[in-house]
Structures are given as structure tokens and as C-alpha cells.
């Protein structure tokens, strides 16, 4: 399933002639829709295709533990944004070749301020210089404005929708933001339950 997501994204980057590093932001309307699961899988399939990939945890209020990679969340984005750690010190290698991870780090008192600061611009700029693909696991777009602020750095946005969980009103909100031009190049991943699937996850993917 995630290979087809990769193909769709690659097609998209070609169509829009995105040069250099490619960025994708993965968001949803609220927590619990499977956004981090999707981020991990999308980052992994890009890395497996031989591309230097980094997965960045930017949901600073509810740090996601990228448990699949056996790494800790002691040091991450927050430490860089407050000037406590250098860029190289926050990057963690994973067991997947070509895949690095930057976790979000300790929960700060001022997440919005940090994400909207010039240090975030600088961080993403540095990542684009070093990686082919930059995958941003962001806060839920329906709850906070920071995710919208991050769209200026991204070529594509993937919005995770979960069956029987995502409220229709949230999709109207996204539609409204799309029409106002606040979100561009948005695609949806539909996280549905597949009764036959062993893990209860079935993915359908469509452009919207």
C-alpha cells in the first residue's frame, strides 16, 4: 500500500517539477487517525528506494515515539529550536539504511512559537540540503494553527482520514482552507478497517 503512496508522490513531484529535496507533510484533523503510522511507513519506503530520507517529529505537544526504530525521544527538534543542541546532534540513525529520524524531544511550554520561529525555517532548510526526502509528521491541522504554518515549507500535504473516526466537519474545514489557498497540493490517505486484514489496517489512497 505505501509503495503506491510513494509512486503517487513521485508522480506529483514530477508533474510539478519539484527540484532538489522533496518535502511532504503528514497531518490529520485530530490525534488518533494514524498519522505517525503513515509517516513512518512513507519514510521507510522512500529510504528503501535508495533515497536519503529523514523523518521529523513536529507534533511538539504530543511527541510521537517512533517505536519501530528503537530510538529515544530525549533529544530532538525542541533542543535544536531553543539553541541547546546543534543540528548534527539531534539526528538519529535508524536500522533502516538511508533513513534518519529527528524526534520532537521534550515538551516545550511554547510549541506554536517555536514552530513559527525562524529556527524552524533554518532547520528545514538544513534538512533539504542534506536529504532527498524530508517527511514532516506534524500536529493535527484541525486543532492548532502551527500545522498550517508548516505548509509553506512543503511541496505536498497528506491528510490522514480514519474510518468512523474523522468528523465530517473537519473535512469541511480542510476544504475551506484549500479553497482559500492556505493548504496546497493536498492528498488524502484513507485509513479504513479491513476485516480480513490481520492487523485491522487497510489503506486506500486517493488524490483529492
N, C-alpha and C. Protein backbone atom coordinates (compact mmCIF):
# COMPACT_ATOMS: atom_id res chain seq x y z
N UNK A 1 0.81 -1.21 0.00
CA UNK A 1 0.00 0.00 0.00
C UNK A 1 0.85 1.26 0.00
N UNK A 2 1.90 1.31 0.84
CA UNK A 2 2.69 2.54 0.94
C UNK A 2 3.59 2.74 -0.28
N UNK A 3 3.85 1.64 -1.01
CA UNK A 3 4.59 1.82 -2.25
C UNK A 3 3.77 2.60 -3.26
N UNK A 4 2.45 2.37 -3.24
CA UNK A 4 1.61 3.13 -4.17
C UNK A 4 1.53 4.60 -3.75
N UNK A 5 1.62 4.85 -2.44
CA UNK A 5 1.67 6.24 -1.97
C UNK A 5 2.95 6.89 -2.49
N UNK A 6 4.05 6.15 -2.39
CA UNK A 6 5.33 6.66 -2.89
C UNK A 6 5.23 6.99 -4.38
N UNK A 7 4.64 6.06 -5.15
CA UNK A 7 4.51 6.30 -6.59
C UNK A 7 3.68 7.54 -6.88
N UNK A 8 2.58 7.67 -6.13
CA UNK A 8 1.71 8.85 -6.34
C UNK A 8 2.48 10.13 -6.03
N UNK A 9 3.24 10.11 -4.95
CA UNK A 9 4.02 11.31 -4.58
C UNK A 9 5.08 11.60 -5.64
N UNK A 10 5.76 10.55 -6.12
CA UNK A 10 6.80 10.77 -7.13
C UNK A 10 6.20 11.35 -8.40
N UNK A 11 5.04 10.85 -8.76
CA UNK A 11 4.33 11.37 -9.94
C UNK A 11 4.02 12.86 -9.73
N UNK A 12 3.54 13.15 -8.52
CA UNK A 12 3.20 14.53 -8.16
C UNK A 12 4.43 15.44 -8.26
N UNK A 13 5.57 15.01 -7.70
CA UNK A 13 6.77 15.85 -7.72
C UNK A 13 7.24 16.08 -9.16
N UNK A 14 7.11 15.04 -9.99
CA UNK A 14 7.49 15.19 -11.41
C UNK A 14 6.57 16.17 -12.12
N UNK A 15 5.26 16.01 -11.88
CA UNK A 15 4.28 16.87 -12.54
C UNK A 15 4.53 18.34 -12.21
N UNK A 16 4.85 18.61 -10.94
CA UNK A 16 5.06 20.00 -10.53
C UNK A 16 6.51 20.42 -10.62
N UNK A 17 7.33 19.55 -11.22
CA UNK A 17 8.76 19.84 -11.45
C UNK A 17 9.45 20.35 -10.18
N UNK A 18 9.25 19.61 -9.08
CA UNK A 18 9.90 19.99 -7.82
C UNK A 18 11.38 19.61 -7.94
N UNK A 19 12.25 20.61 -7.80
CA UNK A 19 13.69 20.37 -7.93
C UNK A 19 14.31 20.10 -6.56
N UNK A 20 15.40 19.36 -6.53
CA UNK A 20 16.12 19.16 -5.28
C UNK A 20 15.34 18.32 -4.29
N UNK A 21 15.52 18.64 -3.00
CA UNK A 21 14.87 17.86 -1.95
C UNK A 21 13.35 17.97 -2.05
N UNK A 22 12.68 16.87 -1.77
CA UNK A 22 11.22 16.86 -1.80
C UNK A 22 10.71 16.78 -0.35
N UNK A 23 9.70 17.56 -0.06
CA UNK A 23 9.15 17.52 1.30
C UNK A 23 7.69 17.09 1.26
N UNK A 24 7.30 16.34 2.28
CA UNK A 24 5.89 16.00 2.42
C UNK A 24 5.51 16.14 3.89
N UNK A 25 4.38 16.77 4.10
CA UNK A 25 3.89 16.97 5.46
C UNK A 25 2.71 16.01 5.66
N UNK A 26 2.71 15.32 6.79
CA UNK A 26 1.63 14.37 7.05
C UNK A 26 0.85 14.86 8.26
N UNK A 27 -0.43 15.09 8.04
CA UNK A 27 -1.24 15.66 9.11
C UNK A 27 -2.59 14.96 9.15
N UNK A 28 -3.45 15.39 10.07
CA UNK A 28 -4.80 14.84 10.16
C UNK A 28 -5.62 15.88 10.90
N UNK A 29 -6.88 15.58 11.22
CA UNK A 29 -7.67 16.62 11.87
C UNK A 29 -7.51 16.61 13.38
N UNK A 30 -7.41 15.42 13.97
CA UNK A 30 -7.22 15.33 15.42
C UNK A 30 -6.20 14.22 15.66
N UNK A 31 -5.87 13.94 16.91
CA UNK A 31 -4.94 12.83 17.17
C UNK A 31 -5.68 11.50 17.01
N UNK A 32 -4.94 10.46 16.70
CA UNK A 32 -5.54 9.12 16.68
C UNK A 32 -6.02 8.67 15.32
N UNK A 33 -5.59 9.35 14.27
CA UNK A 33 -6.05 8.94 12.95
C UNK A 33 -5.02 8.11 12.18
N UNK A 34 -3.86 7.91 12.81
CA UNK A 34 -2.87 7.05 12.18
C UNK A 34 -1.79 7.80 11.41
N UNK A 35 -1.64 9.09 11.75
CA UNK A 35 -0.70 9.93 11.03
C UNK A 35 0.76 9.50 11.22
N UNK A 36 1.13 9.16 12.45
CA UNK A 36 2.52 8.76 12.69
C UNK A 36 2.81 7.42 12.04
N UNK A 37 1.85 6.50 12.10
CA UNK A 37 1.98 5.20 11.43
C UNK A 37 2.25 5.42 9.94
N UNK A 38 1.50 6.35 9.33
CA UNK A 38 1.69 6.64 7.90
C UNK A 38 3.05 7.29 7.66
N UNK A 39 3.43 8.22 8.54
CA UNK A 39 4.72 8.92 8.37
C UNK A 39 5.88 7.93 8.36
N UNK A 40 5.84 7.00 9.33
CA UNK A 40 6.91 6.01 9.45
C UNK A 40 6.98 5.16 8.18
N UNK A 41 5.83 4.72 7.71
CA UNK A 41 5.80 3.84 6.54
C UNK A 41 6.20 4.56 5.26
N UNK A 42 5.77 5.79 5.11
CA UNK A 42 6.14 6.55 3.91
C UNK A 42 7.64 6.83 3.91
N UNK A 43 8.17 7.23 5.07
CA UNK A 43 9.62 7.48 5.17
C UNK A 43 10.40 6.21 4.86
N UNK A 44 9.92 5.08 5.36
CA UNK A 44 10.62 3.81 5.15
C UNK A 44 10.64 3.40 3.68
N UNK A 45 9.51 3.56 2.97
CA UNK A 45 9.51 3.15 1.56
C UNK A 45 10.39 4.07 0.71
N UNK A 46 10.48 5.35 1.06
CA UNK A 46 11.39 6.23 0.32
C UNK A 46 12.85 5.81 0.57
N UNK A 47 13.17 5.52 1.84
CA UNK A 47 14.54 5.12 2.18
C UNK A 47 14.91 3.81 1.49
N UNK A 48 13.94 2.89 1.43
CA UNK A 48 14.21 1.60 0.81
C UNK A 48 14.43 1.71 -0.70
N UNK A 49 13.98 2.83 -1.28
CA UNK A 49 14.22 3.00 -2.72
C UNK A 49 15.59 3.64 -2.95
N UNK A 50 16.38 3.74 -1.86
CA UNK A 50 17.75 4.23 -2.00
C UNK A 50 17.90 5.74 -1.86
N UNK A 51 16.85 6.41 -1.40
CA UNK A 51 16.91 7.87 -1.25
C UNK A 51 17.21 8.24 0.20
N UNK A 52 18.07 9.22 0.38
CA UNK A 52 18.39 9.70 1.73
C UNK A 52 17.15 10.39 2.30
N UNK A 53 16.63 9.82 3.36
CA UNK A 53 15.33 10.27 3.88
C UNK A 53 15.44 10.61 5.37
N UNK A 54 14.71 11.64 5.78
CA UNK A 54 14.65 11.96 7.21
C UNK A 54 13.19 12.14 7.61
N UNK A 55 12.84 11.56 8.76
CA UNK A 55 11.50 11.68 9.32
C UNK A 55 11.61 12.61 10.53
N UNK A 56 10.81 13.67 10.54
CA UNK A 56 10.93 14.68 11.59
C UNK A 56 9.64 14.76 12.39
N UNK A 57 9.74 14.57 13.70
CA UNK A 57 8.57 14.65 14.58
C UNK A 57 8.31 16.09 14.97
N UNK A 58 7.27 16.69 14.44
CA UNK A 58 7.00 18.10 14.73
C UNK A 58 5.74 18.31 15.55
N UNK A 59 5.15 17.22 16.04
CA UNK A 59 3.99 17.37 16.92
C UNK A 59 4.53 17.58 18.34
N UNK A 60 4.93 18.80 18.62
CA UNK A 60 5.67 19.08 19.86
C UNK A 60 4.84 18.93 21.13
N UNK A 61 3.51 19.06 20.99
CA UNK A 61 2.65 18.93 22.18
C UNK A 61 2.47 17.49 22.61
N UNK A 62 2.42 16.59 21.62
CA UNK A 62 2.22 15.17 21.92
C UNK A 62 3.28 14.40 21.18
N UNK A 63 4.48 14.38 21.72
CA UNK A 63 5.58 13.76 20.99
C UNK A 63 5.26 12.31 20.63
N UNK A 64 5.47 11.99 19.38
CA UNK A 64 5.23 10.63 18.94
C UNK A 64 6.53 9.87 19.07
N UNK A 65 6.44 8.70 19.63
CA UNK A 65 7.63 7.87 19.76
C UNK A 65 7.66 6.99 18.52
N UNK A 66 8.69 7.13 17.74
CA UNK A 66 8.80 6.30 16.54
C UNK A 66 9.33 4.94 16.99
N UNK A 67 8.45 4.20 17.69
CA UNK A 67 8.83 2.97 18.37
C UNK A 67 9.46 1.91 17.50
N UNK A 68 9.08 1.92 16.23
CA UNK A 68 9.60 0.90 15.32
C UNK A 68 11.13 0.95 15.21
N UNK A 69 11.70 2.10 15.54
CA UNK A 69 13.13 2.27 15.28
C UNK A 69 14.03 2.13 16.52
N UNK A 70 13.42 1.77 17.66
CA UNK A 70 14.20 1.63 18.90
C UNK A 70 15.06 2.85 19.20
N UNK A 71 14.46 4.03 19.12
CA UNK A 71 15.21 5.23 19.47
C UNK A 71 14.47 5.98 20.56
N UNK A 72 15.20 6.79 21.30
CA UNK A 72 14.60 7.53 22.41
C UNK A 72 14.20 8.94 21.98
N UNK A 73 13.31 9.53 22.77
CA UNK A 73 12.85 10.89 22.47
C UNK A 73 13.49 11.91 23.41
N UNK A 74 14.69 11.61 23.95
CA UNK A 74 15.31 12.52 24.92
C UNK A 74 15.72 13.84 24.28
N UNK A 75 16.26 13.75 23.08
CA UNK A 75 16.78 14.92 22.40
C UNK A 75 16.13 14.98 21.03
N UNK A 76 15.67 16.16 20.64
CA UNK A 76 15.04 16.25 19.33
C UNK A 76 14.90 17.66 18.84
N UNK A 77 13.87 17.88 18.03
CA UNK A 77 13.63 19.17 17.38
C UNK A 77 13.67 20.32 18.39
N UNK A 78 12.99 20.13 19.52
CA UNK A 78 12.89 21.21 20.51
C UNK A 78 14.27 21.68 20.98
N UNK A 79 15.17 20.73 21.23
CA UNK A 79 16.51 21.09 21.70
C UNK A 79 17.26 21.94 20.67
N UNK A 80 17.01 21.64 19.38
CA UNK A 80 17.64 22.46 18.33
C UNK A 80 16.99 23.84 18.28
N UNK A 81 15.65 23.87 18.33
CA UNK A 81 14.94 25.15 18.19
C UNK A 81 15.24 26.13 19.31
N UNK A 82 15.55 25.61 20.51
CA UNK A 82 15.86 26.54 21.62
C UNK A 82 17.37 26.79 21.73
N UNK A 83 18.13 26.26 20.76
CA UNK A 83 19.56 26.56 20.73
C UNK A 83 20.40 25.73 21.68
N UNK A 84 19.82 24.64 22.18
CA UNK A 84 20.52 23.81 23.16
C UNK A 84 21.43 22.78 22.49
N UNK A 85 21.02 22.34 21.31
CA UNK A 85 21.80 21.33 20.58
C UNK A 85 22.02 21.78 19.14
N UNK A 86 23.14 21.34 18.58
CA UNK A 86 23.42 21.65 17.18
C UNK A 86 22.64 20.70 16.27
N UNK A 87 22.52 21.09 15.01
CA UNK A 87 21.79 20.32 14.01
C UNK A 87 22.21 18.85 14.01
N UNK A 88 23.52 18.60 13.92
CA UNK A 88 24.01 17.21 13.83
C UNK A 88 23.72 16.40 15.08
N UNK A 89 23.56 17.09 16.20
CA UNK A 89 23.36 16.38 17.47
C UNK A 89 21.93 15.86 17.65
N UNK A 90 20.99 16.35 16.85
CA UNK A 90 19.60 15.92 17.04
C UNK A 90 19.19 14.82 16.05
N UNK A 91 20.07 14.52 15.09
CA UNK A 91 19.75 13.49 14.10
C UNK A 91 20.09 12.11 14.64
N UNK A 92 19.14 11.19 14.54
CA UNK A 92 19.40 9.81 14.99
C UNK A 92 19.32 8.86 13.80
N UNK A 93 20.27 7.95 13.75
CA UNK A 93 20.27 6.94 12.68
C UNK A 93 19.27 5.84 13.05
N UNK A 94 18.73 5.19 12.03
CA UNK A 94 17.85 4.05 12.31
C UNK A 94 18.47 2.80 11.71
N UNK A 95 17.84 1.66 11.97
CA UNK A 95 18.35 0.40 11.42
C UNK A 95 18.03 0.28 9.93
N UNK A 96 17.17 1.15 9.44
CA UNK A 96 16.82 1.13 8.01
C UNK A 96 17.87 1.96 7.29
N UNK A 97 18.52 1.37 6.27
CA UNK A 97 19.56 2.17 5.62
C UNK A 97 18.92 3.33 4.86
N UNK A 98 19.62 4.45 4.86
CA UNK A 98 19.17 5.72 4.26
C UNK A 98 18.10 6.46 5.06
N UNK A 99 17.74 5.94 6.24
CA UNK A 99 16.68 6.62 7.00
C UNK A 99 17.19 7.14 8.34
N UNK A 100 17.09 8.45 8.51
CA UNK A 100 17.40 9.09 9.79
C UNK A 100 16.10 9.63 10.38
N UNK A 101 16.14 9.86 11.69
CA UNK A 101 14.94 10.36 12.38
C UNK A 101 15.35 11.50 13.31
N UNK A 102 14.51 12.51 13.39
CA UNK A 102 14.66 13.53 14.44
C UNK A 102 13.35 13.48 15.21
N UNK A 103 13.41 13.10 16.47
CA UNK A 103 12.18 13.05 17.28
C UNK A 103 11.84 14.48 17.70
N UNK A 104 10.68 14.66 18.33
CA UNK A 104 10.31 16.02 18.71
C UNK A 104 11.06 16.50 19.95
N UNK A 105 11.42 15.56 20.86
CA UNK A 105 12.15 15.96 22.06
C UNK A 105 11.22 16.34 23.20
N UNK A 106 11.77 16.96 24.25
CA UNK A 106 10.97 17.31 25.43
C UNK A 106 9.84 18.28 25.09
N UNK A 107 8.72 18.20 25.80
CA UNK A 107 7.57 19.08 25.50
C UNK A 107 7.88 20.50 25.98
N UNK A 108 7.83 21.47 25.06
CA UNK A 108 8.17 22.85 25.44
C UNK A 108 6.93 23.60 25.93
N UNK A 109 7.12 24.72 26.65
CA UNK A 109 5.97 25.50 27.11
C UNK A 109 5.31 26.28 25.96
N UNK A 110 6.06 26.51 24.86
CA UNK A 110 5.57 27.38 23.79
C UNK A 110 5.68 26.75 22.40
N UNK A 111 4.99 25.62 22.18
CA UNK A 111 5.15 24.90 20.91
C UNK A 111 4.87 25.73 19.66
N UNK A 112 3.78 26.51 19.68
CA UNK A 112 3.43 27.29 18.48
C UNK A 112 4.52 28.28 18.13
N UNK A 113 4.97 28.98 19.16
CA UNK A 113 6.03 29.98 18.96
C UNK A 113 7.26 29.36 18.33
N UNK A 114 7.65 28.18 18.83
CA UNK A 114 8.84 27.51 18.30
C UNK A 114 8.65 27.12 16.84
N UNK A 115 7.47 26.56 16.53
CA UNK A 115 7.24 26.09 15.16
C UNK A 115 7.13 27.24 14.17
N UNK A 116 6.76 28.41 14.68
CA UNK A 116 6.61 29.55 13.78
C UNK A 116 7.88 30.41 13.76
N UNK A 117 8.93 29.95 14.45
CA UNK A 117 10.13 30.77 14.53
C UNK A 117 11.05 30.58 13.33
N UNK A 118 12.00 31.48 13.19
CA UNK A 118 12.95 31.39 12.06
C UNK A 118 13.85 30.16 12.22
N UNK A 119 13.93 29.63 13.45
CA UNK A 119 14.77 28.44 13.66
C UNK A 119 14.17 27.22 12.97
N UNK A 120 12.82 27.18 12.92
CA UNK A 120 12.17 26.09 12.18
C UNK A 120 12.50 26.22 10.70
N UNK A 121 12.44 27.46 10.18
CA UNK A 121 12.79 27.69 8.77
C UNK A 121 14.22 27.21 8.51
N UNK A 122 15.09 27.54 9.45
CA UNK A 122 16.51 27.19 9.29
C UNK A 122 16.69 25.66 9.32
N UNK A 123 16.00 25.02 10.28
CA UNK A 123 16.08 23.56 10.41
C UNK A 123 15.65 22.88 9.11
N UNK A 124 14.52 23.30 8.57
CA UNK A 124 14.01 22.65 7.36
C UNK A 124 14.93 22.94 6.17
N UNK A 125 15.49 24.13 6.14
CA UNK A 125 16.47 24.48 5.10
C UNK A 125 17.68 23.55 5.14
N UNK A 126 18.19 23.30 6.35
CA UNK A 126 19.35 22.41 6.51
C UNK A 126 19.01 20.98 6.10
N UNK A 127 17.80 20.54 6.46
CA UNK A 127 17.37 19.19 6.11
C UNK A 127 17.29 19.03 4.59
N UNK A 128 16.79 20.06 3.92
CA UNK A 128 16.67 19.99 2.46
C UNK A 128 18.03 19.93 1.79
N UNK A 129 19.04 20.49 2.45
CA UNK A 129 20.39 20.43 1.86
C UNK A 129 20.98 19.03 1.99
N UNK A 130 20.60 18.30 3.04
CA UNK A 130 21.24 17.01 3.32
C UNK A 130 20.47 15.78 2.86
N UNK A 131 19.17 15.93 2.62
CA UNK A 131 18.34 14.76 2.32
C UNK A 131 17.61 14.90 0.99
N UNK A 132 17.27 13.75 0.41
CA UNK A 132 16.45 13.74 -0.80
C UNK A 132 14.97 13.93 -0.44
N UNK A 133 14.57 13.29 0.66
CA UNK A 133 13.17 13.38 1.10
C UNK A 133 13.09 13.78 2.56
N UNK A 134 12.26 14.77 2.85
CA UNK A 134 12.04 15.24 4.21
C UNK A 134 10.56 15.00 4.54
N UNK A 135 10.31 14.11 5.50
CA UNK A 135 8.93 13.75 5.87
C UNK A 135 8.62 14.42 7.21
N UNK A 136 7.63 15.29 7.22
CA UNK A 136 7.28 16.02 8.44
C UNK A 136 6.01 15.44 9.06
N UNK A 137 6.14 14.91 10.26
CA UNK A 137 4.98 14.40 11.00
C UNK A 137 4.51 15.56 11.88
N UNK A 138 3.43 16.22 11.48
CA UNK A 138 3.08 17.49 12.11
C UNK A 138 1.92 17.39 13.09
N UNK A 139 1.63 18.50 13.79
CA UNK A 139 0.45 18.49 14.67
C UNK A 139 -0.82 18.34 13.82
N UNK A 140 -1.92 17.89 14.45
CA UNK A 140 -3.19 17.79 13.72
C UNK A 140 -3.65 19.19 13.30
N UNK A 141 -4.02 19.31 12.04
CA UNK A 141 -4.34 20.61 11.46
C UNK A 141 -5.65 21.18 12.00
N UNK A 142 -6.53 20.29 12.48
CA UNK A 142 -7.83 20.77 12.95
C UNK A 142 -7.74 21.42 14.33
N UNK A 143 -6.68 21.09 15.07
CA UNK A 143 -6.61 21.56 16.46
C UNK A 143 -5.77 22.80 16.63
N UNK A 144 -4.71 22.92 15.85
CA UNK A 144 -3.79 24.04 16.07
C UNK A 144 -3.35 24.64 14.74
N UNK A 145 -2.91 25.89 14.83
CA UNK A 145 -2.56 26.58 13.59
C UNK A 145 -1.14 26.30 13.12
N UNK A 146 -0.31 25.68 13.99
CA UNK A 146 1.10 25.52 13.55
C UNK A 146 1.23 24.67 12.30
N UNK A 147 0.37 23.66 12.18
CA UNK A 147 0.49 22.77 11.03
C UNK A 147 0.34 23.58 9.74
N UNK A 148 -0.59 24.53 9.76
CA UNK A 148 -0.80 25.38 8.57
C UNK A 148 0.45 26.19 8.28
N UNK A 149 1.07 26.68 9.32
CA UNK A 149 2.28 27.49 9.19
C UNK A 149 3.38 26.67 8.50
N UNK A 150 3.39 25.35 8.78
CA UNK A 150 4.43 24.49 8.22
C UNK A 150 4.23 24.20 6.74
N UNK A 151 3.01 24.45 6.23
CA UNK A 151 2.77 24.11 4.82
C UNK A 151 3.64 24.94 3.89
N UNK A 152 4.11 26.10 4.35
CA UNK A 152 4.92 26.93 3.45
C UNK A 152 6.24 26.23 3.10
N UNK A 153 6.65 25.26 3.92
CA UNK A 153 7.90 24.55 3.66
C UNK A 153 7.70 23.32 2.80
N UNK A 154 6.44 22.95 2.56
CA UNK A 154 6.23 21.62 1.99
C UNK A 154 5.70 21.64 0.57
N UNK A 155 6.13 20.65 -0.19
CA UNK A 155 5.68 20.52 -1.57
C UNK A 155 4.32 19.83 -1.61
N UNK A 156 4.12 18.86 -0.72
CA UNK A 156 2.87 18.09 -0.73
C UNK A 156 2.39 17.88 0.70
N UNK A 157 1.08 17.80 0.85
CA UNK A 157 0.48 17.54 2.16
C UNK A 157 -0.36 16.28 2.06
N UNK A 158 -0.17 15.37 2.99
CA UNK A 158 -1.01 14.17 3.05
C UNK A 158 -1.85 14.27 4.31
N UNK A 159 -3.14 14.11 4.11
CA UNK A 159 -4.08 14.26 5.22
C UNK A 159 -4.68 12.89 5.51
N UNK A 160 -4.46 12.40 6.73
CA UNK A 160 -4.92 11.05 7.07
C UNK A 160 -6.35 11.12 7.62
N UNK A 161 -7.22 10.33 7.01
CA UNK A 161 -8.62 10.28 7.41
C UNK A 161 -8.89 8.86 7.89
N UNK A 162 -9.50 8.72 9.04
CA UNK A 162 -9.75 7.38 9.56
C UNK A 162 -11.24 7.06 9.56
N UNK A 163 -11.55 5.89 9.08
CA UNK A 163 -12.94 5.42 9.00
C UNK A 163 -13.62 5.48 10.37
N UNK A 164 -14.83 6.01 10.40
CA UNK A 164 -15.65 6.09 11.63
C UNK A 164 -14.98 6.88 12.74
N UNK A 165 -14.04 7.75 12.39
CA UNK A 165 -13.32 8.46 13.45
C UNK A 165 -13.20 9.94 13.12
N UNK A 166 -12.82 10.22 11.88
CA UNK A 166 -12.67 11.62 11.47
C UNK A 166 -14.05 12.24 11.28
N UNK A 167 -14.26 13.40 11.88
CA UNK A 167 -15.57 14.07 11.77
C UNK A 167 -15.69 14.78 10.42
N UNK A 168 -16.90 14.69 9.85
CA UNK A 168 -17.11 15.34 8.54
C UNK A 168 -16.81 16.83 8.58
N UNK A 169 -17.13 17.46 9.72
CA UNK A 169 -16.90 18.90 9.84
C UNK A 169 -15.43 19.26 9.63
N UNK A 170 -14.55 18.34 10.04
CA UNK A 170 -13.12 18.58 9.88
C UNK A 170 -12.73 18.61 8.41
N UNK A 171 -13.39 17.75 7.62
CA UNK A 171 -13.09 17.74 6.19
C UNK A 171 -13.57 19.03 5.53
N UNK A 172 -14.69 19.57 6.04
CA UNK A 172 -15.15 20.87 5.52
C UNK A 172 -14.13 21.95 5.84
N UNK A 173 -13.55 21.87 7.03
CA UNK A 173 -12.53 22.83 7.45
C UNK A 173 -11.34 22.78 6.50
N UNK A 174 -10.91 21.56 6.17
CA UNK A 174 -9.77 21.38 5.26
C UNK A 174 -10.12 21.93 3.88
N UNK A 175 -11.33 21.62 3.44
CA UNK A 175 -11.78 22.09 2.13
C UNK A 175 -11.75 23.61 2.07
N UNK A 176 -12.22 24.22 3.15
CA UNK A 176 -12.26 25.67 3.24
C UNK A 176 -10.85 26.25 3.15
N UNK A 177 -9.91 25.63 3.87
CA UNK A 177 -8.53 26.12 3.86
C UNK A 177 -7.90 25.92 2.48
N UNK A 178 -8.29 24.83 1.82
CA UNK A 178 -7.78 24.55 0.48
C UNK A 178 -8.28 25.63 -0.49
N UNK A 179 -9.58 25.93 -0.37
CA UNK A 179 -10.16 26.93 -1.28
C UNK A 179 -9.57 28.31 -1.06
N UNK A 180 -9.20 28.61 0.19
CA UNK A 180 -8.58 29.92 0.48
C UNK A 180 -7.11 29.93 0.08
N UNK A 181 -6.59 28.76 -0.32
CA UNK A 181 -5.18 28.71 -0.72
C UNK A 181 -4.24 28.55 0.47
N UNK A 182 -4.79 28.27 1.66
CA UNK A 182 -3.93 28.11 2.84
C UNK A 182 -3.22 26.75 2.82
N UNK A 183 -3.84 25.76 2.18
CA UNK A 183 -3.20 24.45 2.04
C UNK A 183 -3.16 24.18 0.55
N UNK A 184 -2.00 23.73 0.06
CA UNK A 184 -1.97 23.40 -1.36
C UNK A 184 -1.53 21.96 -1.54
N UNK A 185 -1.80 21.44 -2.72
CA UNK A 185 -1.32 20.10 -3.08
C UNK A 185 -1.63 19.07 -2.01
N UNK A 186 -2.91 18.93 -1.72
CA UNK A 186 -3.28 18.02 -0.63
C UNK A 186 -3.81 16.69 -1.18
N UNK A 187 -3.40 15.61 -0.55
CA UNK A 187 -3.92 14.29 -0.90
C UNK A 187 -4.42 13.67 0.40
N UNK A 188 -5.28 12.67 0.26
CA UNK A 188 -5.83 12.02 1.44
C UNK A 188 -5.41 10.56 1.48
N UNK A 189 -5.08 10.09 2.68
CA UNK A 189 -4.93 8.65 2.87
C UNK A 189 -6.13 8.23 3.70
N UNK A 190 -6.82 7.24 3.23
CA UNK A 190 -7.99 6.75 3.94
C UNK A 190 -7.57 5.53 4.75
N UNK A 191 -7.59 5.67 6.05
CA UNK A 191 -7.20 4.59 6.94
C UNK A 191 -8.48 3.88 7.37
N UNK A 192 -8.78 2.78 6.67
CA UNK A 192 -10.02 2.07 6.96
C UNK A 192 -9.73 0.76 7.64
N UNK A 193 -10.74 0.16 8.18
CA UNK A 193 -10.55 -1.15 8.80
C UNK A 193 -10.87 -2.22 7.79
N UNK A 194 -9.96 -3.12 7.63
CA UNK A 194 -10.18 -4.21 6.70
C UNK A 194 -10.41 -5.44 7.57
N UNK A 195 -11.62 -5.97 7.56
CA UNK A 195 -11.95 -7.08 8.47
C UNK A 195 -11.04 -8.28 8.26
N UNK A 196 -10.64 -8.50 7.02
CA UNK A 196 -9.82 -9.67 6.73
C UNK A 196 -8.36 -9.46 7.12
N UNK A 197 -7.96 -8.19 7.18
CA UNK A 197 -6.54 -7.89 7.44
C UNK A 197 -6.16 -8.29 8.84
N UNK A 198 -5.02 -8.88 8.98
CA UNK A 198 -4.57 -9.37 10.27
C UNK A 198 -4.48 -8.25 11.30
N UNK A 199 -3.98 -7.09 10.87
CA UNK A 199 -3.77 -6.01 11.83
C UNK A 199 -4.92 -5.02 11.87
N UNK A 200 -5.94 -5.26 11.07
CA UNK A 200 -7.07 -4.34 11.09
C UNK A 200 -6.79 -3.03 10.40
N UNK A 201 -5.74 -2.96 9.58
CA UNK A 201 -5.50 -1.73 8.84
C UNK A 201 -5.65 -2.03 7.37
N UNK A 202 -6.41 -1.24 6.68
CA UNK A 202 -6.47 -1.39 5.23
C UNK A 202 -6.32 0.01 4.68
N UNK A 203 -5.46 0.21 3.71
CA UNK A 203 -5.27 1.56 3.21
C UNK A 203 -5.81 1.72 1.82
N UNK A 204 -6.55 2.77 1.62
CA UNK A 204 -6.96 3.14 0.27
C UNK A 204 -6.33 4.49 0.07
N UNK A 205 -5.95 4.79 -1.15
CA UNK A 205 -5.28 6.07 -1.35
C UNK A 205 -5.91 6.78 -2.50
N UNK A 206 -6.21 8.04 -2.37
CA UNK A 206 -6.79 8.74 -3.49
C UNK A 206 -6.38 10.20 -3.48
N UNK A 207 -6.31 10.77 -4.64
CA UNK A 207 -6.00 12.20 -4.71
C UNK A 207 -7.27 12.98 -4.55
N UNK A 208 -7.20 14.06 -3.79
CA UNK A 208 -8.37 14.92 -3.63
C UNK A 208 -7.97 16.34 -3.88
